[in-house]
């Protein structure tokens, strides 16, 4: 699934506010991403947050966004608990 949204910039807009304004991202009580486009985060589904191509932690969601920035979210299945097997 791939969505592209263009959000109008205003001085002081944060990464969190930009994501909220898409209508596709919800945040939980702790302030972290809870679901994306109705897909719940957790139970093996993780989210990777990119800001202008760089992976950033969700603890930086309240940083101000710059004009022309690109914010990306990548959902993936987590292999938590998996044991790597060398081939």
PDB file of N, CA and C in Angstrom:
ATOM      1  N   UNK A   1       0.851  -1.152   0.000  1.00  0.00           N
ATOM      2  CA  UNK A   1       0.000   0.000   0.000  1.00  0.00           C
ATOM      3  C   UNK A   1       0.906   1.227   0.000  1.00  0.00           C
ATOM      4  N   UNK A   2       0.522   2.222  -0.761  1.00  0.00           N
ATOM      5  CA  UNK A   2       1.339   3.420  -0.871  1.00  0.00           C
ATOM      6  C   UNK A   2       0.406   4.633  -0.938  1.00  0.00           C
ATOM      7  N   UNK A   3       0.600   5.570  -0.022  1.00  0.00           N
ATOM      8  CA  UNK A   3      -0.188   6.802  -0.001  1.00  0.00           C
ATOM      9  C   UNK A   3       0.771   7.981  -0.104  1.00  0.00           C
ATOM     10  N   UNK A   4       0.370   8.989  -0.837  1.00  0.00           N
ATOM     11  CA  UNK A   4       1.123  10.241  -0.878  1.00  0.00           C
ATOM     12  C   UNK A   4       0.157  11.362  -0.532  1.00  0.00           C
ATOM     13  N   UNK A   5       0.544  12.179   0.421  1.00  0.00           N
ATOM     14  CA  UNK A   5      -0.263  13.325   0.824  1.00  0.00           C
ATOM     15  C   UNK A   5       0.622  14.561   0.803  1.00  0.00           C
ATOM     16  N   UNK A   6       0.062  15.655   0.381  1.00  0.00           N
ATOM     17  CA  UNK A   6       0.771  16.926   0.410  1.00  0.00           C
ATOM     18  C   UNK A   6       0.113  17.786   1.478  1.00  0.00           C
ATOM     19  N   UNK A   7       0.915  18.189   2.454  1.00  0.00           N
ATOM     20  CA  UNK A   7       0.421  18.946   3.589  1.00  0.00           C
ATOM     21  C   UNK A   7       0.911  20.388   3.467  1.00  0.00           C
ATOM     22  N   UNK A   8       0.025  21.376   3.599  1.00  0.00           N
ATOM     23  CA  UNK A   8       0.489  22.765   3.542  1.00  0.00           C
ATOM     24  C   UNK A   8       1.427  23.070   4.712  1.00  0.00           C
ATOM     25  N   UNK A   9       2.515  23.717   4.408  1.00  0.00           N
ATOM     26  CA  UNK A   9       3.481  24.099   5.438  1.00  0.00           C
ATOM     27  C   UNK A   9       3.014  25.370   6.124  1.00  0.00           C
ATOM     28  N   UNK A  10       3.223  25.425   7.435  1.00  0.00           N
ATOM     29  CA  UNK A  10       3.069  26.676   8.166  1.00  0.00           C
ATOM     30  C   UNK A  10       4.170  26.717   9.209  1.00  0.00           C
ATOM     31  N   UNK A  11       4.665  27.897   9.542  1.00  0.00           N
ATOM     32  CA  UNK A  11       5.752  27.992  10.519  1.00  0.00           C
ATOM     33  C   UNK A  11       5.369  27.326  11.841  1.00  0.00           C
ATOM     34  N   UNK A  12       6.238  26.457  12.323  1.00  0.00           N
ATOM     35  CA  UNK A  12       6.021  25.781  13.589  1.00  0.00           C
ATOM     36  C   UNK A  12       5.367  24.412  13.481  1.00  0.00           C
ATOM     37  N   UNK A  13       4.947  24.007  12.268  1.00  0.00           N
ATOM     38  CA  UNK A  13       4.333  22.682  12.134  1.00  0.00           C
ATOM     39  C   UNK A  13       5.359  21.619  12.522  1.00  0.00           C
ATOM     40  N   UNK A  14       4.917  20.653  13.288  1.00  0.00           N
ATOM     41  CA  UNK A  14       5.818  19.581  13.712  1.00  0.00           C
ATOM     42  C   UNK A  14       5.609  18.358  12.818  1.00  0.00           C
ATOM     43  N   UNK A  15       6.534  17.431  12.924  1.00  0.00           N
ATOM     44  CA  UNK A  15       6.410  16.172  12.179  1.00  0.00           C
ATOM     45  C   UNK A  15       5.120  15.480  12.594  1.00  0.00           C
ATOM     46  N   UNK A  16       4.823  15.467  13.890  1.00  0.00           N
ATOM     47  CA  UNK A  16       3.596  14.849  14.400  1.00  0.00           C
ATOM     48  C   UNK A  16       2.349  15.499  13.786  1.00  0.00           C
ATOM     49  N   UNK A  17       2.301  16.839  13.763  1.00  0.00           N
ATOM     50  CA  UNK A  17       1.145  17.546  13.215  1.00  0.00           C
ATOM     51  C   UNK A  17       0.964  17.248  11.729  1.00  0.00           C
ATOM     52  N   UNK A  18       2.077  17.161  11.016  1.00  0.00           N
ATOM     53  CA  UNK A  18       1.998  16.844   9.587  1.00  0.00           C
ATOM     54  C   UNK A  18       1.404  15.453   9.384  1.00  0.00           C
ATOM     55  N   UNK A  19       1.859  14.484  10.184  1.00  0.00           N
ATOM     56  CA  UNK A  19       1.325  13.126  10.075  1.00  0.00           C
ATOM     57  C   UNK A  19      -0.153  13.081  10.461  1.00  0.00           C
ATOM     58  N   UNK A  20      -0.524  13.779  11.521  1.00  0.00           N
ATOM     59  CA  UNK A  20      -1.928  13.826  11.948  1.00  0.00           C
ATOM     60  C   UNK A  20      -2.825  14.425  10.869  1.00  0.00           C
ATOM     61  N   UNK A  21      -2.328  15.438  10.190  1.00  0.00           N
ATOM     62  CA  UNK A  21      -3.155  16.126   9.194  1.00  0.00           C
ATOM     63  C   UNK A  21      -3.463  15.262   7.975  1.00  0.00           C
ATOM     64  N   UNK A  22      -2.742  14.147   7.795  1.00  0.00           N
ATOM     65  CA  UNK A  22      -3.047  13.248   6.681  1.00  0.00           C
ATOM     66  C   UNK A  22      -4.335  12.475   6.928  1.00  0.00           C
ATOM     67  N   UNK A  23      -4.706  12.314   8.203  1.00  0.00           N
ATOM     68  CA  UNK A  23      -5.869  11.509   8.534  1.00  0.00           C
ATOM     69  C   UNK A  23      -5.589  10.015   8.496  1.00  0.00           C
ATOM     70  N   UNK A  24      -4.352   9.643   8.251  1.00  0.00           N
ATOM     71  CA  UNK A  24      -3.985   8.229   8.149  1.00  0.00           C
ATOM     72  C   UNK A  24      -3.212   7.707   9.350  1.00  0.00           C
ATOM     73  N   UNK A  25      -2.768   8.613  10.224  1.00  0.00           N
ATOM     74  CA  UNK A  25      -1.907   8.216  11.341  1.00  0.00           C
ATOM     75  C   UNK A  25      -2.578   8.588  12.660  1.00  0.00           C
ATOM     76  N   UNK A  26      -2.615   7.622  13.574  1.00  0.00           N
ATOM     77  CA  UNK A  26      -3.132   7.861  14.922  1.00  0.00           C
ATOM     78  C   UNK A  26      -2.022   7.606  15.922  1.00  0.00           C
ATOM     79  N   UNK A  27      -2.083   8.333  17.033  1.00  0.00           N
ATOM     80  CA  UNK A  27      -1.079   8.209  18.080  1.00  0.00           C
ATOM     81  C   UNK A  27      -1.724   7.686  19.351  1.00  0.00           C
ATOM     82  N   UNK A  28      -0.975   6.894  20.100  1.00  0.00           N
ATOM     83  CA  UNK A  28      -1.453   6.344  21.365  1.00  0.00           C
ATOM     84  C   UNK A  28      -1.225   7.307  22.504  1.00  0.00           C
ATOM     85  N   UNK A  29      -1.631   6.910  23.716  1.00  0.00           N
ATOM     86  CA  UNK A  29      -1.504   7.767  24.892  1.00  0.00           C
ATOM     87  C   UNK A  29      -0.061   8.169  25.200  1.00  0.00           C
ATOM     88  N   UNK A  30       0.901   7.322  24.846  1.00  0.00           N
ATOM     89  CA  UNK A  30       2.306   7.644  25.107  1.00  0.00           C
ATOM     90  C   UNK A  30       2.891   8.561  24.033  1.00  0.00           C
ATOM     91  N   UNK A  31       2.104   8.857  22.996  1.00  0.00           N
ATOM     92  CA  UNK A  31       2.558   9.768  21.958  1.00  0.00           C
ATOM     93  C   UNK A  31       3.217   9.105  20.769  1.00  0.00           C
ATOM     94  N   UNK A  32       3.287   7.789  20.769  1.00  0.00           N
ATOM     95  CA  UNK A  32       3.903   7.078  19.652  1.00  0.00           C
ATOM     96  C   UNK A  32       2.843   6.636  18.657  1.00  0.00           C
ATOM     97  N   UNK A  33       3.265   6.319  17.448  1.00  0.00           N
ATOM     98  CA  UNK A  33       2.341   5.923  16.394  1.00  0.00           C
ATOM     99  C   UNK A  33       1.634   4.625  16.795  1.00  0.00           C
ATOM    100  N   UNK A  34       0.305   4.663  16.767  1.00  0.00           N
ATOM    101  CA  UNK A  34      -0.506   3.513  17.165  1.00  0.00           C
ATOM    102  C   UNK A  34      -1.009   2.734  15.952  1.00  0.00           C
ATOM    103  N   UNK A  35      -1.388   3.460  14.881  1.00  0.00           N
ATOM    104  CA  UNK A  35      -1.785   2.771  13.653  1.00  0.00           C
ATOM    105  C   UNK A  35      -1.598   3.691  12.461  1.00  0.00           C
ATOM    106  N   UNK A  36      -1.443   3.063  11.312  1.00  0.00           N
ATOM    107  CA  UNK A  36      -1.249   3.782  10.045  1.00  0.00           C
ATOM    108  C   UNK A  36      -2.243   3.212   9.046  1.00  0.00           C
ATOM    109  N   UNK A  37      -3.098   4.060   8.523  1.00  0.00           N
ATOM    110  CA  UNK A  37      -4.120   3.658   7.555  1.00  0.00           C
ATOM    111  C   UNK A  37      -4.942   2.485   8.076  1.00  0.00           C
ATOM    112  N   UNK A  38      -5.226   2.488   9.370  1.00  0.00           N
ATOM    113  CA  UNK A  38      -6.031   1.442   9.977  1.00  0.00           C
ATOM    114  C   UNK A  38      -5.263   0.184  10.349  1.00  0.00           C
ATOM    115  N   UNK A  39      -3.977   0.136  10.070  1.00  0.00           N
ATOM    116  CA  UNK A  39      -3.151  -1.024  10.412  1.00  0.00           C
ATOM    117  C   UNK A  39      -2.525  -0.775  11.778  1.00  0.00           C
ATOM    118  N   UNK A  40      -2.873  -1.587  12.775  1.00  0.00           N
ATOM    119  CA  UNK A  40      -2.325  -1.377  14.114  1.00  0.00           C
ATOM    120  C   UNK A  40      -0.840  -1.718  14.186  1.00  0.00           C
ATOM    121  N   UNK A  41      -0.109  -0.896  14.908  1.00  0.00           N
ATOM    122  CA  UNK A  41       1.313  -1.130  15.134  1.00  0.00           C
ATOM    123  C   UNK A  41       1.435  -1.985  16.390  1.00  0.00           C
ATOM    124  N   UNK A  42       2.247  -2.996  16.339  1.00  0.00           N
ATOM    125  CA  UNK A  42       2.395  -3.944  17.446  1.00  0.00           C
ATOM    126  C   UNK A  42       2.007  -5.324  16.958  1.00  0.00           C
ATOM    127  N   UNK A  43       2.118  -6.308  17.818  1.00  0.00           N
ATOM    128  CA  UNK A  43       1.801  -7.694  17.441  1.00  0.00           C
ATOM    129  C   UNK A  43       2.504  -8.100  16.147  1.00  0.00           C
ATOM    130  N   UNK A  44       3.778  -7.760  16.049  1.00  0.00           N
ATOM    131  CA  UNK A  44       4.571  -8.161  14.895  1.00  0.00           C
ATOM    132  C   UNK A  44       4.667  -7.132  13.787  1.00  0.00           C
ATOM    133  N   UNK A  45       3.880  -6.061  13.841  1.00  0.00           N
ATOM    134  CA  UNK A  45       3.957  -5.001  12.824  1.00  0.00           C
ATOM    135  C   UNK A  45       4.663  -3.806  13.444  1.00  0.00           C
ATOM    136  N   UNK A  46       5.713  -3.369  12.803  1.00  0.00           N
ATOM    137  CA  UNK A  46       6.498  -2.230  13.283  1.00  0.00           C
ATOM    138  C   UNK A  46       6.430  -1.105  12.258  1.00  0.00           C
ATOM    139  N   UNK A  47       6.814   0.091  12.690  1.00  0.00           N
ATOM    140  CA  UNK A  47       6.832   1.246  11.792  1.00  0.00           C
ATOM    141  C   UNK A  47       8.210   1.890  11.834  1.00  0.00           C
ATOM    142  N   UNK A  48       8.690   2.269  10.672  1.00  0.00           N
ATOM    143  CA  UNK A  48       9.965   2.969  10.529  1.00  0.00           C
ATOM    144  C   UNK A  48       9.634   4.383  10.074  1.00  0.00           C
ATOM    145  N   UNK A  49      10.122   5.382  10.786  1.00  0.00           N
ATOM    146  CA  UNK A  49       9.851   6.785  10.495  1.00  0.00           C
ATOM    147  C   UNK A  49      11.054   7.389   9.789  1.00  0.00           C
ATOM    148  N   UNK A  50      10.811   7.965   8.622  1.00  0.00           N
ATOM    149  CA  UNK A  50      11.883   8.635   7.866  1.00  0.00           C
ATOM    150  C   UNK A  50      11.548  10.107   7.719  1.00  0.00           C
ATOM    151  N   UNK A  51      12.571  10.934   7.898  1.00  0.00           N
ATOM    152  CA  UNK A  51      12.437  12.380   7.693  1.00  0.00           C
ATOM    153  C   UNK A  51      13.525  12.783   6.709  1.00  0.00           C
ATOM    154  N   UNK A  52      13.117  13.231   5.539  1.00  0.00           N
ATOM    155  CA  UNK A  52      14.041  13.581   4.452  1.00  0.00           C
ATOM    156  C   UNK A  52      15.024  12.445   4.174  1.00  0.00           C
ATOM    157  N   UNK A  53      14.487  11.218   4.171  1.00  0.00           N
ATOM    158  CA  UNK A  53      15.277  10.052   3.817  1.00  0.00           C
ATOM    159  C   UNK A  53      16.033   9.393   4.956  1.00  0.00           C
ATOM    160  N   UNK A  54      16.136  10.057   6.085  1.00  0.00           N
ATOM    161  CA  UNK A  54      16.870   9.501   7.224  1.00  0.00           C
ATOM    162  C   UNK A  54      15.919   8.908   8.245  1.00  0.00           C
ATOM    163  N   UNK A  55      16.286   7.751   8.761  1.00  0.00           N
ATOM    164  CA  UNK A  55      15.486   7.123   9.806  1.00  0.00           C
ATOM    165  C   UNK A  55      15.678   7.913  11.096  1.00  0.00           C
ATOM    166  N   UNK A  56      14.554   8.278  11.728  1.00  0.00           N
ATOM    167  CA  UNK A  56      14.611   8.994  13.004  1.00  0.00           C
ATOM    168  C   UNK A  56      13.726   8.273  14.018  1.00  0.00           C
ATOM    169  N   UNK A  57      14.037   8.400  15.303  1.00  0.00           N
ATOM    170  CA  UNK A  57      13.186   7.773  16.321  1.00  0.00           C
ATOM    171  C   UNK A  57      11.901   8.577  16.518  1.00  0.00           C
ATOM    172  N   UNK A  58      10.882   7.902  16.997  1.00  0.00           N
ATOM    173  CA  UNK A  58       9.610   8.573  17.245  1.00  0.00           C
ATOM    174  C   UNK A  58       9.705   9.602  18.357  1.00  0.00           C
ATOM    175  N   UNK A  59      10.761   9.581  19.124  1.00  0.00           N
ATOM    176  CA  UNK A  59      10.945  10.594  20.166  1.00  0.00           C
ATOM    177  C   UNK A  59      11.163  11.979  19.556  1.00  0.00           C
ATOM    178  N   UNK A  60      11.411  12.048  18.238  1.00  0.00           N
ATOM    179  CA  UNK A  60      11.638  13.332  17.564  1.00  0.00           C
ATOM    180  C   UNK A  60      10.396  13.832  16.813  1.00  0.00           C
ATOM    181  N   UNK A  61       9.246  13.226  17.053  1.00  0.00           N
ATOM    182  CA  UNK A  61       8.023  13.622  16.351  1.00  0.00           C
ATOM    183  C   UNK A  61       7.617  15.073  16.608  1.00  0.00           C
ATOM    184  N   UNK A  62       8.040  15.649  17.727  1.00  0.00           N
ATOM    185  CA  UNK A  62       7.648  17.026  18.039  1.00  0.00           C
ATOM    186  C   UNK A  62       8.621  18.070  17.514  1.00  0.00           C
ATOM    187  N   UNK A  63       9.595  17.649  16.717  1.00  0.00           N
ATOM    188  CA  UNK A  63      10.505  18.619  16.104  1.00  0.00           C
ATOM    189  C   UNK A  63       9.777  19.373  14.999  1.00  0.00           C
ATOM    190  N   UNK A  64      10.132  20.641  14.792  1.00  0.00           N
ATOM    191  CA  UNK A  64       9.503  21.376  13.692  1.00  0.00           C
ATOM    192  C   UNK A  64       9.955  20.831  12.346  1.00  0.00           C
ATOM    193  N   UNK A  65       9.025  20.766  11.414  1.00  0.00           N
ATOM    194  CA  UNK A  65       9.332  20.341  10.053  1.00  0.00           C
ATOM    195  C   UNK A  65       9.783  21.554   9.243  1.00  0.00           C
ATOM    196  N   UNK A  66      10.629  21.299   8.283  1.00  0.00           N
ATOM    197  CA  UNK A  66      11.114  22.360   7.391  1.00  0.00           C
ATOM    198  C   UNK A  66      10.256  22.384   6.125  1.00  0.00           C
ATOM    199  N   UNK A  67      10.161  23.532   5.458  1.00  0.00           N
ATOM    200  CA  UNK A  67       9.405  23.593   4.199  1.00  0.00           C
ATOM    201  C   UNK A  67      10.000  22.613   3.184  1.00  0.00           C
ATOM    202  N   UNK A  68       9.136  21.888   2.488  1.00  0.00           N
ATOM    203  CA  UNK A  68       9.583  20.953   1.458  1.00  0.00           C
ATOM    204  C   UNK A  68      10.075  19.621   1.993  1.00  0.00           C
ATOM    205  N   UNK A  69       9.906  19.380   3.280  1.00  0.00           N
ATOM    206  CA  UNK A  69      10.366  18.119   3.872  1.00  0.00           C
ATOM    207  C   UNK A  69       9.532  16.948   3.382  1.00  0.00           C
ATOM    208  N   UNK A  70      10.141  15.779   3.452  1.00  0.00           N
ATOM    209  CA  UNK A  70       9.449  14.540   3.109  1.00  0.00           C
ATOM    210  C   UNK A  70       9.451  13.651   4.345  1.00  0.00           C
ATOM    211  N   UNK A  71       8.258  13.248   4.754  1.00  0.00           N
ATOM    212  CA  UNK A  71       8.097  12.368   5.902  1.00  0.00           C
ATOM    213  C   UNK A  71       7.550  11.046   5.378  1.00  0.00           C
ATOM    214  N   UNK A  72       8.216   9.967   5.727  1.00  0.00           N
ATOM    215  CA  UNK A  72       7.784   8.657   5.258  1.00  0.00           C
ATOM    216  C   UNK A  72       7.606   7.679   6.399  1.00  0.00           C
ATOM    217  N   UNK A  73       6.649   6.800   6.240  1.00  0.00           N
ATOM    218  CA  UNK A  73       6.425   5.724   7.198  1.00  0.00           C
ATOM    219  C   UNK A  73       6.498   4.407   6.442  1.00  0.00           C
ATOM    220  N   UNK A  74       7.255   3.476   6.978  1.00  0.00           N
ATOM    221  CA  UNK A  74       7.359   2.152   6.384  1.00  0.00           C
ATOM    222  C   UNK A  74       6.894   1.133   7.416  1.00  0.00           C
ATOM    223  N   UNK A  75       5.917   0.341   7.041  1.00  0.00           N
ATOM    224  CA  UNK A  75       5.442  -0.722   7.919  1.00  0.00           C
ATOM    225  C   UNK A  75       6.107  -2.023   7.508  1.00  0.00           C
ATOM    226  N   UNK A  76       6.477  -2.815   8.512  1.00  0.00           N
ATOM    227  CA  UNK A  76       7.109  -4.097   8.219  1.00  0.00           C
ATOM    228  C   UNK A  76       6.800  -5.084   9.329  1.00  0.00           C
ATOM    229  N   UNK A  77       6.904  -6.354   8.985  1.00  0.00           N
ATOM    230  CA  UNK A  77       6.728  -7.399   9.985  1.00  0.00           C
ATOM    231  C   UNK A  77       8.008  -7.538  10.773  1.00  0.00           C
ATOM    232  N   UNK A  78       7.879  -7.576  12.082  1.00  0.00           N
ATOM    233  CA  UNK A  78       9.017  -7.720  12.978  1.00  0.00           C
ATOM    234  C   UNK A  78       9.330  -9.193  13.162  1.00  0.00           C
ATOM    235  N   UNK A  79      10.611  -9.480  13.220  1.00  0.00           N
ATOM    236  CA  UNK A  79      11.044 -10.855  13.460  1.00  0.00           C
ATOM    237  C   UNK A  79      11.501 -11.021  14.899  1.00  0.00           C
ATOM    238  N   UNK A  80      10.850 -10.296  15.810  1.00  0.00           N
ATOM    239  CA  UNK A  80      11.218 -10.359  17.217  1.00  0.00           C
ATOM    240  C   UNK A  80      11.179 -11.804  17.691  1.00  0.00           C
ATOM    241  N   UNK A  81      12.246 -12.197  18.352  1.00  0.00           N
ATOM    242  CA  UNK A  81      12.306 -13.544  18.868  1.00  0.00           C
ATOM    243  C   UNK A  81      12.852 -14.562  17.887  1.00  0.00           C
ATOM    244  N   UNK A  82      13.065 -14.126  16.660  1.00  0.00           N
ATOM    245  CA  UNK A  82      13.610 -15.056  15.661  1.00  0.00           C
ATOM    246  C   UNK A  82      15.101 -15.267  15.911  1.00  0.00           C
ATOM    247  N   UNK A  83      15.556 -16.424  15.607  1.00  0.00           N
ATOM    248  CA  UNK A  83      16.971 -16.764  15.762  1.00  0.00           C
ATOM    249  C   UNK A  83      17.599 -16.838  14.382  1.00  0.00           C
ATOM    250  N   UNK A  84      18.588 -15.973  14.102  1.00  0.00           N
ATOM    251  CA  UNK A  84      19.215 -16.037  12.780  1.00  0.00           C
ATOM    252  C   UNK A  84      19.982 -17.342  12.601  1.00  0.00           C
ATOM    253  N   UNK A  85      19.847 -17.915  11.446  1.00  0.00           N
ATOM    254  CA  UNK A  85      20.550 -19.155  11.136  1.00  0.00           C
ATOM    255  C   UNK A  85      21.512 -18.880  10.001  1.00  0.00           C
ATOM    256  N   UNK A  86      22.820 -19.016  10.242  1.00  0.00           N
ATOM    257  CA  UNK A  86      23.769 -18.774   9.144  1.00  0.00           C
ATOM    258  C   UNK A  86      23.642 -19.845   8.067  1.00  0.00           C
ATOM    259  N   UNK A  87      23.737 -19.435   6.838  1.00  0.00           N
ATOM    260  CA  UNK A  87      23.652 -20.376   5.714  1.00  0.00           C
ATOM    261  C   UNK A  87      25.004 -20.597   5.099  1.00  0.00           C
TER     262      UNK A  87
END
